[in-house]
Amino acid sequence: MTLDCRGMLCPLPVIKLAKALPTVSVGDTITVLADDPAAAIDIPAWCRMRSQELVSAGNAQYVVRRLS
């Protein structure tokens, strides 16, 4: 699943990620496209706080694996 959050200011990309996470199976990934500079801090922090895996981050793209 890909969430296109380009042009949105944080916390909207994190909110959209949080809402989408339950719709994917454990082990699957969500790719978040977010060009707000705050996303580089907010998305990894959200993953740590929610015990989800940040698979990769770079070029305004974040891949998050659902662990639970």
C-alpha atoms as a PDB file:
ATOM      1  CA  MET A   1       0.000   0.000   0.000  1.00  0.00           C
ATOM      2  CA  THR A   2       1.221   3.507  -0.779  1.00  0.00           C
ATOM      3  CA  LEU A   3       0.017   6.651   0.939  1.00  0.00           C
ATOM      4  CA  ASP A   4       0.677   9.811  -1.071  1.00  0.00           C
ATOM      5  CA  CYS A   5       1.019  12.508   1.565  1.00  0.00           C
ATOM      6  CA  ARG A   6       3.122  14.873  -0.524  1.00  0.00           C
ATOM      7  CA  GLY A   7       2.171  18.479   0.078  1.00  0.00           C
ATOM      8  CA  MET A   8       0.700  17.689   3.505  1.00  0.00           C
ATOM      9  CA  LEU A   9       2.188  19.167   6.635  1.00  0.00           C
ATOM     10  CA  CYS A  10       2.899  17.054   9.681  1.00  0.00           C
ATOM     11  CA  PRO A  11       1.200  15.579  11.563  1.00  0.00           C
ATOM     12  CA  LEU A  12      -1.092  14.616   8.649  1.00  0.00           C
ATOM     13  CA  PRO A  13       1.246  11.976   7.142  1.00  0.00           C
ATOM     14  CA  VAL A  14       1.574  10.290  10.553  1.00  0.00           C
ATOM     15  CA  ILE A  15      -2.180  10.431  11.107  1.00  0.00           C
ATOM     16  CA  LYS A  16      -2.819   8.851   7.709  1.00  0.00           C
ATOM     17  CA  LEU A  17      -0.202   6.171   8.461  1.00  0.00           C
ATOM     18  CA  ALA A  18      -1.825   5.408  11.823  1.00  0.00           C
ATOM     19  CA  LYS A  19      -5.257   5.064  10.203  1.00  0.00           C
ATOM     20  CA  ALA A  20      -3.959   2.861   7.374  1.00  0.00           C
ATOM     21  CA  LEU A  21      -1.845   0.499   9.473  1.00  0.00           C
ATOM     22  CA  PRO A  22      -4.754  -1.697  10.672  1.00  0.00           C
ATOM     23  CA  THR A  23      -5.808  -2.256   7.052  1.00  0.00           C
ATOM     24  CA  VAL A  24      -2.632  -4.194   6.184  1.00  0.00           C
ATOM     25  CA  SER A  25      -1.647  -7.619   7.459  1.00  0.00           C
ATOM     26  CA  VAL A  26       1.092  -8.137  10.017  1.00  0.00           C
ATOM     27  CA  GLY A  27       4.347  -8.381   8.079  1.00  0.00           C
ATOM     28  CA  ASP A  28       3.130  -6.215   5.188  1.00  0.00           C
ATOM     29  CA  THR A  29       4.456  -2.743   4.465  1.00  0.00           C
ATOM     30  CA  ILE A  30       3.051   0.700   3.869  1.00  0.00           C
ATOM     31  CA  THR A  31       5.019   3.205   1.816  1.00  0.00           C
ATOM     32  CA  VAL A  32       4.447   6.818   2.825  1.00  0.00           C
ATOM     33  CA  LEU A  33       5.364   9.543   0.355  1.00  0.00           C
ATOM     34  CA  ALA A  34       5.835  12.708   2.425  1.00  0.00           C
ATOM     35  CA  ASP A  35       7.852  15.760   1.445  1.00  0.00           C
ATOM     36  CA  ASP A  36       7.351  17.791   4.638  1.00  0.00           C
ATOM     37  CA  PRO A  37      10.786  17.968   6.336  1.00  0.00           C
ATOM     38  CA  ALA A  38       9.137  17.200   9.696  1.00  0.00           C
ATOM     39  CA  ALA A  39       8.168  13.746   8.394  1.00  0.00           C
ATOM     40  CA  ALA A  40      11.838  12.733   8.610  1.00  0.00           C
ATOM     41  CA  ILE A  41      11.546  13.075  12.378  1.00  0.00           C
ATOM     42  CA  ASP A  42       7.880  12.295  12.959  1.00  0.00           C
ATOM     43  CA  ILE A  43       7.531   9.018  11.042  1.00  0.00           C
ATOM     44  CA  PRO A  44      10.587   7.292  12.588  1.00  0.00           C
ATOM     45  CA  ALA A  45       9.509   8.522  16.048  1.00  0.00           C
ATOM     46  CA  TRP A  46       5.978   7.201  15.488  1.00  0.00           C
ATOM     47  CA  CYS A  47       7.398   3.806  14.466  1.00  0.00           C
ATOM     48  CA  ARG A  48       9.478   3.621  17.654  1.00  0.00           C
ATOM     49  CA  MET A  49       6.546   4.670  19.861  1.00  0.00           C
ATOM     50  CA  ARG A  50       4.175   2.171  18.197  1.00  0.00           C
ATOM     51  CA  SER A  51       6.707  -0.676  17.937  1.00  0.00           C
ATOM     52  CA  GLN A  52       6.534  -0.831  14.145  1.00  0.00           C
ATOM     53  CA  GLU A  53       9.546  -1.294  11.858  1.00  0.00           C
ATOM     54  CA  LEU A  54      10.866   1.554   9.745  1.00  0.00           C
ATOM     55  CA  VAL A  55      12.291  -0.469   6.861  1.00  0.00           C
ATOM     56  CA  SER A  56      13.722   2.467   4.935  1.00  0.00           C
ATOM     57  CA  ALA A  57      13.623   6.235   4.764  1.00  0.00           C
ATOM     58  CA  GLY A  58      14.953   8.580   2.114  1.00  0.00           C
ATOM     59  CA  ASN A  59      13.992  10.765  -0.828  1.00  0.00           C
ATOM     60  CA  ALA A  60      10.658  11.687   0.797  1.00  0.00           C
ATOM     61  CA  GLN A  61       9.706   7.989   0.999  1.00  0.00           C
ATOM     62  CA  TYR A  62       9.226   5.958   4.171  1.00  0.00           C
ATOM     63  CA  VAL A  63       8.544   2.225   4.220  1.00  0.00           C
ATOM     64  CA  VAL A  64       6.942   0.924   7.410  1.00  0.00           C
ATOM     65  CA  ARG A  65       6.377  -2.765   8.198  1.00  0.00           C
ATOM     66  CA  ARG A  66       3.493  -3.696  10.469  1.00  0.00           C
ATOM     67  CA  LEU A  67       4.813  -5.836  13.294  1.00  0.00           C
ATOM     68  CA  SER A  68       1.662  -6.163  15.385  1.00  0.00           C
END
